[in-house]
PDB file of N, CA and C in Angstrom:
ATOM      1  N   MET A   1     162.761  61.346  23.075  1.00  0.00           N
ATOM      2  CA  MET A   1     163.179  60.357  22.282  1.00  0.00           C
ATOM      3  C   MET A   1     161.946  59.903  21.850  1.00  0.00           C
ATOM      4  N   THR A   2     161.451  59.220  20.551  1.00  0.00           N
ATOM      5  CA  THR A   2     160.399  59.172  20.064  1.00  0.00           C
ATOM      6  C   THR A   2     160.489  57.545  19.737  1.00  0.00           C
ATOM      7  N   THR A   3     159.537  56.765  20.120  1.00  0.00           N
ATOM      8  CA  THR A   3     159.613  55.120  20.082  1.00  0.00           C
ATOM      9  C   THR A   3     158.231  54.764  19.230  1.00  0.00           C
ATOM     10  N   LYS A   4     158.608  54.243  18.079  1.00  0.00           N
ATOM     11  CA  LYS A   4     157.476  53.708  17.558  1.00  0.00           C
ATOM     12  C   LYS A   4     157.730  52.314  17.028  1.00  0.00           C
ATOM     13  N   ASN A   5     156.357  51.598  17.253  1.00  0.00           N
ATOM     14  CA  ASN A   5     156.374  50.501  16.749  1.00  0.00           C
ATOM     15  C   ASN A   5     156.251  49.986  15.174  1.00  0.00           C
ATOM     16  N   LEU A   6     157.238  49.304  14.565  1.00  0.00           N
ATOM     17  CA  LEU A   6     157.098  49.190  12.948  1.00  0.00           C
ATOM     18  C   LEU A   6     155.737  49.495  12.248  1.00  0.00           C
ATOM     19  N   TYR A   7     154.488  48.694  12.840  1.00  0.00           N
ATOM     20  CA  TYR A   7     153.590  48.937  12.390  1.00  0.00           C
ATOM     21  C   TYR A   7     152.954  50.214  12.256  1.00  0.00           C
ATOM     22  N   GLU A   8     153.052  50.984  13.149  1.00  0.00           N
ATOM     23  CA  GLU A   8     152.731  52.566  13.203  1.00  0.00           C
ATOM     24  C   GLU A   8     153.644  53.266  12.317  1.00  0.00           C
ATOM     25  N   ALA A   9     154.971  52.712  12.356  1.00  0.00           N
ATOM     26  CA  ALA A   9     155.759  53.785  12.071  1.00  0.00           C
ATOM     27  C   ALA A   9     155.589  53.398  10.393  1.00  0.00           C
ATOM     28  N   LYS A  10     155.054  52.403   9.848  1.00  0.00           N
ATOM     29  CA  LYS A  10     154.769  52.655   8.408  1.00  0.00           C
ATOM     30  C   LYS A  10     153.398  53.643   8.069  1.00  0.00           C
ATOM     31  N   THR A  11     152.736  53.846   8.728  1.00  0.00           N
ATOM     32  CA  THR A  11     151.850  54.880   8.263  1.00  0.00           C
ATOM     33  C   THR A  11     152.392  56.371   8.666  1.00  0.00           C
ATOM     34  N   HIS A  12     153.551  56.739   9.588  1.00  0.00           N
ATOM     35  CA  HIS A  12     153.967  57.694  10.028  1.00  0.00           C
ATOM     36  C   HIS A  12     155.135  57.960   9.384  1.00  0.00           C
ATOM     37  N   LEU A  13     155.722  57.350   8.726  1.00  0.00           N
ATOM     38  CA  LEU A  13     157.006  57.469   8.284  1.00  0.00           C
ATOM     39  C   LEU A  13     157.854  58.751   7.893  1.00  0.00           C
ATOM     40  N   SER A  14     157.079  59.615   6.955  1.00  0.00           N
ATOM     41  CA  SER A  14     157.421  60.904   6.517  1.00  0.00           C
ATOM     42  C   SER A  14     157.731  61.552   7.907  1.00  0.00           C
ATOM     43  N   ALA A  15     156.676  61.760   8.855  1.00  0.00           N
ATOM     44  CA  ALA A  15     156.618  62.583  10.046  1.00  0.00           C
ATOM     45  C   ALA A  15     157.842  62.008  10.970  1.00  0.00           C
ATOM     46  N   LEU A  16     158.218  60.736  10.670  1.00  0.00           N
ATOM     47  CA  LEU A  16     159.325  60.309  11.739  1.00  0.00           C
ATOM     48  C   LEU A  16     160.595  60.695  11.189  1.00  0.00           C
ATOM     49  N   VAL A  17     160.645  60.779   9.824  1.00  0.00           N
ATOM     50  CA  VAL A  17     162.128  61.295   9.368  1.00  0.00           C
ATOM     51  C   VAL A  17     162.272  62.455   9.474  1.00  0.00           C
ATOM     52  N   ALA A  18     161.116  63.181   9.459  1.00  0.00           N
ATOM     53  CA  ALA A  18     161.243  64.798   9.730  1.00  0.00           C
ATOM     54  C   ALA A  18     161.480  64.945  10.897  1.00  0.00           C
ATOM     55  N   GLU A  19     161.339  64.455  12.056  1.00  0.00           N
ATOM     56  CA  GLU A  19     161.557  64.533  13.497  1.00  0.00           C
ATOM     57  C   GLU A  19     163.212  64.114  13.279  1.00  0.00           C
ATOM     58  N   ALA A  20     163.386  62.931  12.816  1.00  0.00           N
ATOM     59  CA  ALA A  20     165.158  62.316  13.128  1.00  0.00           C
ATOM     60  C   ALA A  20     165.892  63.696  12.157  1.00  0.00           C
ATOM     61  N   LEU A  21     165.305  64.453  11.227  1.00  0.00           N
ATOM     62  CA  LEU A  21     165.965  65.522  10.686  1.00  0.00           C
ATOM     63  C   LEU A  21     166.316  66.737  11.244  1.00  0.00           C
ATOM     64  N   ALA A  22     165.307  67.089  12.014  1.00  0.00           N
ATOM     65  CA  ALA A  22     165.081  68.120  13.177  1.00  0.00           C
ATOM     66  C   ALA A  22     166.125  67.788  14.181  1.00  0.00           C
ATOM     67  N   GLY A  23     166.465  66.837  14.352  1.00  0.00           N
ATOM     68  CA  GLY A  23     167.553  66.324  15.529  1.00  0.00           C
ATOM     69  C   GLY A  23     166.904  65.251  16.722  1.00  0.00           C
ATOM     70  N   GLU A  24     165.726  65.217  16.525  1.00  0.00           N
ATOM     71  CA  GLU A  24     165.064  64.149  17.474  1.00  0.00           C
ATOM     72  C   GLU A  24     165.473  62.976  17.227  1.00  0.00           C
ATOM     73  N   GLU A  25     165.533  62.365  18.196  1.00  0.00           N
ATOM     74  CA  GLU A  25     166.320  60.796  18.252  1.00  0.00           C
ATOM     75  C   GLU A  25     164.579  60.086  17.985  1.00  0.00           C
ATOM     76  N   VAL A  26     164.991  58.982  16.888  1.00  0.00           N
ATOM     77  CA  VAL A  26     163.736  58.530  16.693  1.00  0.00           C
ATOM     78  C   VAL A  26     163.894  56.732  16.811  1.00  0.00           C
ATOM     79  N   VAL A  27     163.436  56.023  17.448  1.00  0.00           N
ATOM     80  CA  VAL A  27     163.867  54.567  17.761  1.00  0.00           C
ATOM     81  C   VAL A  27     162.361  53.781  16.596  1.00  0.00           C
ATOM     82  N   LEU A  28     162.842  52.817  16.120  1.00  0.00           N
ATOM     83  CA  LEU A  28     161.765  52.322  15.644  1.00  0.00           C
ATOM     84  C   LEU A  28     161.967  50.663  16.296  1.00  0.00           C
ATOM     85  N   ALA A  29     160.535  50.022  16.689  1.00  0.00           N
ATOM     86  CA  ALA A  29     160.730  49.138  17.393  1.00  0.00           C
ATOM     87  C   ALA A  29     159.627  47.862  17.292  1.00  0.00           C
ATOM     88  N   ARG A  30     160.037  46.642  17.644  1.00  0.00           N
ATOM     89  CA  ARG A  30     159.114  45.648  17.084  1.00  0.00           C
ATOM     90  C   ARG A  30     158.501  45.065  18.728  1.00  0.00           C
ATOM     91  N   ASN A  31     157.279  44.885  18.889  1.00  0.00           N
ATOM     92  CA  ASN A  31     156.610  44.794  19.831  1.00  0.00           C
ATOM     93  C   ASN A  31     157.242  45.177  21.427  1.00  0.00           C
ATOM     94  N   GLY A  32     157.672  46.639  21.302  1.00  0.00           N
ATOM     95  CA  GLY A  32     157.962  47.249  22.357  1.00  0.00           C
ATOM     96  C   GLY A  32     159.952  47.138  22.327  1.00  0.00           C
ATOM     97  N   VAL A  33     160.179  46.272  21.529  1.00  0.00           N
ATOM     98  CA  VAL A  33     161.521  46.125  21.376  1.00  0.00           C
ATOM     99  C   VAL A  33     162.566  46.949  20.352  1.00  0.00           C
ATOM    100  N   PRO A  34     163.218  47.977  21.221  1.00  0.00           N
ATOM    101  CA  PRO A  34     163.962  48.941  20.283  1.00  0.00           C
ATOM    102  C   PRO A  34     164.825  48.005  19.169  1.00  0.00           C
ATOM    103  N   LEU A  35     165.023  48.493  17.948  1.00  0.00           N
ATOM    104  CA  LEU A  35     165.150  47.688  16.797  1.00  0.00           C
ATOM    105  C   LEU A  35     166.236  48.586  16.033  1.00  0.00           C
ATOM    106  N   VAL A  36     165.794  49.810  15.559  1.00  0.00           N
ATOM    107  CA  VAL A  36     166.760  50.396  14.983  1.00  0.00           C
ATOM    108  C   VAL A  36     166.591  52.044  15.389  1.00  0.00           C
ATOM    109  N   ARG A  37     167.509  52.977  14.844  1.00  0.00           N
ATOM    110  CA  ARG A  37     167.471  54.521  15.337  1.00  0.00           C
ATOM    111  C   ARG A  37     167.590  55.056  14.093  1.00  0.00           C
ATOM    112  N   LEU A  38     166.680  56.065  13.744  1.00  0.00           N
ATOM    113  CA  LEU A  38     166.840  56.841  12.567  1.00  0.00           C
ATOM    114  C   LEU A  38     167.664  58.187  12.958  1.00  0.00           C
ATOM    115  N   THR A  39     168.585  58.544  11.916  1.00  0.00           N
ATOM    116  CA  THR A  39     169.611  59.338  12.085  1.00  0.00           C
ATOM    117  C   THR A  39     169.870  60.128  10.786  1.00  0.00           C
ATOM    118  N   PRO A  40     169.814  61.304  10.508  1.00  0.00           N
ATOM    119  CA  PRO A  40     170.484  61.881   8.944  1.00  0.00           C
ATOM    120  C   PRO A  40     171.424  61.655   8.796  1.00  0.00           C
ATOM    121  N   VAL A  41     171.842  61.625   7.567  1.00  0.00           N
ATOM    122  CA  VAL A  41     173.135  61.052   6.770  1.00  0.00           C
ATOM    123  C   VAL A  41     173.613  62.289   6.551  1.00  0.00           C
ATOM    124  N   GLU A  42     174.544  62.510   7.018  1.00  0.00           N
ATOM    125  CA  GLU A  42     175.788  63.387   7.050  1.00  0.00           C
ATOM    126  C   GLU A  42     176.318  63.740   5.311  1.00  0.00           C
ATOM    127  N   LYS A  43     176.140  64.642   5.026  1.00  0.00           N
ATOM    128  CA  LYS A  43     176.528  65.297   3.563  1.00  0.00           C
ATOM    129  C   LYS A  43     178.101  65.162   3.577  1.00  0.00           C
ATOM    130  N   PRO A  44     179.137  64.460   2.576  1.00  0.00           N
ATOM    131  CA  PRO A  44     180.418  65.034   2.443  1.00  0.00           C
ATOM    132  C   PRO A  44     180.518  66.013   2.167  1.00  0.00           C
ATOM    133  N   SER A  45     181.718  66.686   2.660  1.00  0.00           N
ATOM    134  CA  SER A  45     182.152  68.128   2.047  1.00  0.00           C
ATOM    135  C   SER A  45     182.980  67.953   0.986  1.00  0.00           C
ATOM    136  N   PHE A  46     182.776  69.082   0.304  1.00  0.00           N
ATOM    137  CA  PHE A  46     183.984  69.162  -1.254  1.00  0.00           C
ATOM    138  C   PHE A  46     185.404  68.869  -0.680  1.00  0.00           C
ATOM    139  N   ALA A  47     185.651  69.049   0.646  1.00  0.00           N
ATOM    140  CA  ALA A  47     187.209  69.353   1.134  1.00  0.00           C
ATOM    141  C   ALA A  47     187.301  67.554   1.344  1.00  0.00           C
ATOM    142  N   ASP A  48     186.362  66.688   1.740  1.00  0.00           N
ATOM    143  CA  ASP A  48     186.606  65.310   1.864  1.00  0.00           C
ATOM    144  C   ASP A  48     186.653  64.861   0.494  1.00  0.00           C
ATOM    145  N   ALA A  49     186.296  64.991  -0.516  1.00  0.00           N
ATOM    146  CA  ALA A  49     186.414  64.551  -1.567  1.00  0.00           C
ATOM    147  C   ALA A  49     188.001  64.810  -2.550  1.00  0.00           C
ATOM    148  N   LEU A  50     188.634  65.896  -1.818  1.00  0.00           N
ATOM    149  CA  LEU A  50     190.240  66.363  -2.442  1.00  0.00           C
ATOM    150  C   LEU A  50     191.261  65.260  -1.993  1.00  0.00           C
ATOM    151  N   GLY A  51     191.882  64.524  -3.080  1.00  0.00           N
ATOM    152  CA  GLY A  51     192.881  63.480  -2.559  1.00  0.00           C
ATOM    153  C   GLY A  51     192.432  62.237  -1.983  1.00  0.00           C
ATOM    154  N   MET A  52     191.124  61.949  -2.028  1.00  0.00           N
ATOM    155  CA  MET A  52     190.657  60.590  -1.651  1.00  0.00           C
ATOM    156  C   MET A  52     191.143  59.433  -2.443  1.00  0.00           C
ATOM    157  N   ASP A  53     191.709  59.964  -3.898  1.00  0.00           N
ATOM    158  CA  ASP A  53     192.144  58.814  -4.554  1.00  0.00           C
ATOM    159  C   ASP A  53     193.595  58.969  -4.584  1.00  0.00           C
ATOM    160  N   ALA A  54     194.113  59.270  -3.681  1.00  0.00           N
ATOM    161  CA  ALA A  54     195.842  60.062  -3.740  1.00  0.00           C
ATOM    162  C   ALA A  54     196.436  58.561  -3.437  1.00  0.00           C
ATOM    163  N   GLY A  55     197.294  58.513  -4.409  1.00  0.00           N
ATOM    164  CA  GLY A  55     198.594  56.882  -4.340  1.00  0.00           C
ATOM    165  C   GLY A  55     197.216  56.007  -5.198  1.00  0.00           C
ATOM    166  N   ARG A  56     196.274  56.038  -5.317  1.00  0.00           N
ATOM    167  CA  ARG A  56     195.596  55.130  -6.152  1.00  0.00           C
ATOM    168  C   ARG A  56     195.599  55.201  -8.362  1.00  0.00           C
ATOM    169  N   ILE A  57     196.231  56.221  -8.350  1.00  0.00           N
ATOM    170  CA  ILE A  57     196.042  56.396  -9.726  1.00  0.00           C
ATOM    171  C   ILE A  57     197.865  56.577 -10.410  1.00  0.00           C
ATOM    172  N   PHE A  58     198.250  55.630 -11.562  1.00  0.00           N
ATOM    173  CA  PHE A  58     199.337  55.385 -11.957  1.00  0.00           C
ATOM    174  C   PHE A  58     199.459  56.111 -13.384  1.00  0.00           C
ATOM    175  N   ILE A  59     200.301  56.908 -13.761  1.00  0.00           N
ATOM    176  CA  ILE A  59     200.310  57.689 -15.230  1.00  0.00           C
ATOM    177  C   ILE A  59     201.966  56.794 -15.509  1.00  0.00           C
ATOM    178  N   ALA A  60     201.684  56.297 -16.489  1.00  0.00           N
ATOM    179  CA  ALA A  60     203.102  55.684 -17.191  1.00  0.00           C
ATOM    180  C   ALA A  60     203.829  56.769 -17.422  1.00  0.00           C
ATOM    181  N   ASP A  61     205.446  56.552 -17.556  1.00  0.00           N
ATOM    182  CA  ASP A  61     206.546  58.101 -18.005  1.00  0.00           C
ATOM    183  C   ASP A  61     206.147  58.034 -19.489  1.00  0.00           C
ATOM    184  N   ASP A  62     205.644  56.899 -20.008  1.00  0.00           N
ATOM    185  CA  ASP A  62     205.745  57.054 -21.465  1.00  0.00           C
ATOM    186  C   ASP A  62     204.162  57.241 -21.741  1.00  0.00           C
ATOM    187  N   PHE A  63     203.308  57.720 -21.298  1.00  0.00           N
ATOM    188  CA  PHE A  63     201.869  57.993 -21.430  1.00  0.00           C
ATOM    189  C   PHE A  63     201.477  58.606 -22.753  1.00  0.00           C
ATOM    190  N   ASP A  64     202.540  59.801 -23.016  1.00  0.00           N
ATOM    191  CA  ASP A  64     201.937  60.405 -24.104  1.00  0.00           C
ATOM    192  C   ASP A  64     202.885  59.952 -25.517  1.00  0.00           C
ATOM    193  N   ALA A  65     203.768  59.301 -25.476  1.00  0.00           N
ATOM    194  CA  ALA A  65     204.495  58.714 -26.489  1.00  0.00           C
ATOM    195  C   ALA A  65     203.919  57.836 -27.504  1.00  0.00           C
ATOM    196  N   THR A  66     204.397  57.823 -28.631  1.00  0.00           N
ATOM    197  CA  THR A  66     203.334  57.237 -29.661  1.00  0.00           C
ATOM    198  C   THR A  66     204.026  55.831 -29.745  1.00  0.00           C
ATOM    199  N   PRO A  67     203.329  55.012 -29.755  1.00  0.00           N
ATOM    200  CA  PRO A  67     203.182  53.401 -29.717  1.00  0.00           C
ATOM    201  C   PRO A  67     204.087  52.950 -30.632  1.00  0.00           C
ATOM    202  N   SER A  68     205.121  51.855 -30.930  1.00  0.00           N
ATOM    203  CA  SER A  68     205.789  52.008 -31.935  1.00  0.00           C
ATOM    204  C   SER A  68     204.918  51.313 -33.253  1.00  0.00           C
ATOM    205  N   ASP A  69     203.664  50.553 -32.996  1.00  0.00           N
ATOM    206  CA  ASP A  69     203.189  49.830 -33.753  1.00  0.00           C
ATOM    207  C   ASP A  69     202.059  50.750 -34.372  1.00  0.00           C
ATOM    208  N   PHE A  70     202.193  52.026 -33.928  1.00  0.00           N
ATOM    209  CA  PHE A  70     201.207  52.833 -34.543  1.00  0.00           C
ATOM    210  C   PHE A  70     202.085  54.096 -35.732  1.00  0.00           C
ATOM    211  N   LYS A  71     203.293  54.248 -35.337  1.00  0.00           N
ATOM    212  CA  LYS A  71     204.220  55.016 -36.108  1.00  0.00           C
ATOM    213  C   LYS A  71     203.938  55.097 -37.871  1.00  0.00           C
ATOM    214  N   GLU A  72     203.725  53.837 -37.783  1.00  0.00           N
ATOM    215  CA  GLU A  72     203.669  53.681 -39.494  1.00  0.00           C
ATOM    216  C   GLU A  72     202.120  54.424 -40.065  1.00  0.00           C
ATOM    217  N   TYR A  73     201.426  55.038 -39.257  1.00  0.00           N
ATOM    218  CA  TYR A  73     199.900  55.601 -39.442  1.00  0.00           C
ATOM    219  C   TYR A  73     200.301  57.029 -39.469  1.00  0.00           C
ATOM    220  N   SER A  74     201.372  57.678 -38.932  1.00  0.00           N
ATOM    221  CA  SER A  74     201.464  58.886 -38.809  1.00  0.00           C
ATOM    222  C   SER A  74     202.590  59.994 -39.759  1.00  0.00           C
TER     223      SER A  74
END
Protein backbone atom coordinates (compact mmCIF):
# COMPACT_ATOMS: atom_id res chain seq x y z
CA MET A 1 0.00 0.00 0.00
CA THR A 2 1.28 3.43 -0.98
CA THR A 3 0.32 6.43 1.15
CA LYS A 4 1.17 9.95 -0.01
CA ASN A 5 0.32 13.33 1.46
CA LEU A 6 -1.63 15.64 -0.83
CA TYR A 7 1.30 18.03 -1.30
CA GLU A 8 3.52 15.19 -2.54
CA ALA A 9 0.70 13.56 -4.52
CA LYS A 10 0.21 16.71 -6.61
CA THR A 11 3.70 16.38 -8.06
CA HIS A 12 3.53 12.58 -8.54
CA LEU A 13 -0.11 12.14 -9.56
CA SER A 14 0.68 10.41 -12.86
CA ALA A 15 2.83 7.82 -11.13
CA LEU A 16 0.23 7.25 -8.41
CA VAL A 17 -2.49 6.72 -11.02
CA ALA A 18 -0.25 4.23 -12.82
CA GLU A 19 0.26 2.36 -9.54
CA ALA A 20 -3.49 2.24 -8.92
CA LEU A 21 -4.10 0.95 -12.45
CA ALA A 22 -1.52 -1.77 -11.83
CA GLY A 23 -3.54 -2.97 -8.83
CA GLU A 24 -1.57 -1.26 -6.08
CA GLU A 25 -3.59 0.35 -3.28
CA VAL A 26 -2.90 4.10 -3.23
CA VAL A 27 -4.11 6.27 -0.36
CA LEU A 28 -3.95 10.05 -0.31
CA ALA A 29 -3.61 11.70 3.09
CA ARG A 30 -3.49 15.15 4.65
CA ASN A 31 -0.96 15.51 7.48
CA GLY A 32 -0.71 11.72 7.66
CA VAL A 33 -4.47 11.22 8.03
CA PRO A 34 -5.86 9.04 5.20
CA LEU A 35 -8.54 10.82 3.14
CA VAL A 36 -9.18 8.97 -0.13
CA ARG A 37 -8.18 5.82 -1.98
CA LEU A 38 -7.37 5.76 -5.70
CA THR A 39 -9.00 2.86 -7.52
CA PRO A 40 -9.41 2.14 -11.22
CA VAL A 41 -12.81 2.72 -12.79
CA GLU A 42 -14.41 -0.46 -14.07
CA LYS A 43 -15.52 -0.18 -17.66
CA PRO A 44 -19.09 -1.38 -18.14
CA SER A 45 -19.42 -4.27 -20.53
CA PHE A 46 -21.65 -4.16 -23.59
CA ALA A 47 -23.87 -6.81 -21.98
CA ASP A 48 -24.60 -4.38 -19.11
CA ALA A 49 -26.06 -1.89 -21.60
CA LEU A 50 -28.52 -4.37 -23.12
CA GLY A 51 -31.93 -4.01 -21.54
CA MET A 52 -31.00 -1.14 -19.26
CA ASP A 53 -34.03 0.88 -20.45
CA ALA A 54 -36.50 -1.98 -20.24
CA GLY A 55 -39.87 -0.67 -19.09
CA ARG A 56 -38.91 2.99 -19.61
CA ILE A 57 -39.92 3.36 -23.24
CA PHE A 58 -43.55 3.51 -24.38
CA ILE A 59 -44.72 3.43 -27.98
CA ALA A 60 -48.38 4.28 -28.48
CA ASP A 61 -50.60 1.84 -30.37
CA ASP A 62 -51.36 4.53 -33.00
CA PHE A 63 -47.69 5.49 -33.45
CA ASP A 64 -47.68 5.00 -37.22
CA ALA A 65 -51.23 6.28 -37.83
CA THR A 66 -51.68 9.53 -39.73
CA PRO A 67 -52.95 12.28 -37.42
CA SER A 68 -56.46 13.48 -38.27
CA ASP A 69 -55.34 17.11 -38.70
CA PHE A 70 -52.68 16.05 -41.21
CA LYS A 71 -54.94 13.98 -43.52
CA GLU A 72 -55.92 17.03 -45.57
CA TYR A 73 -52.27 17.41 -46.72
CA SER A 74 -51.89 13.91 -48.13
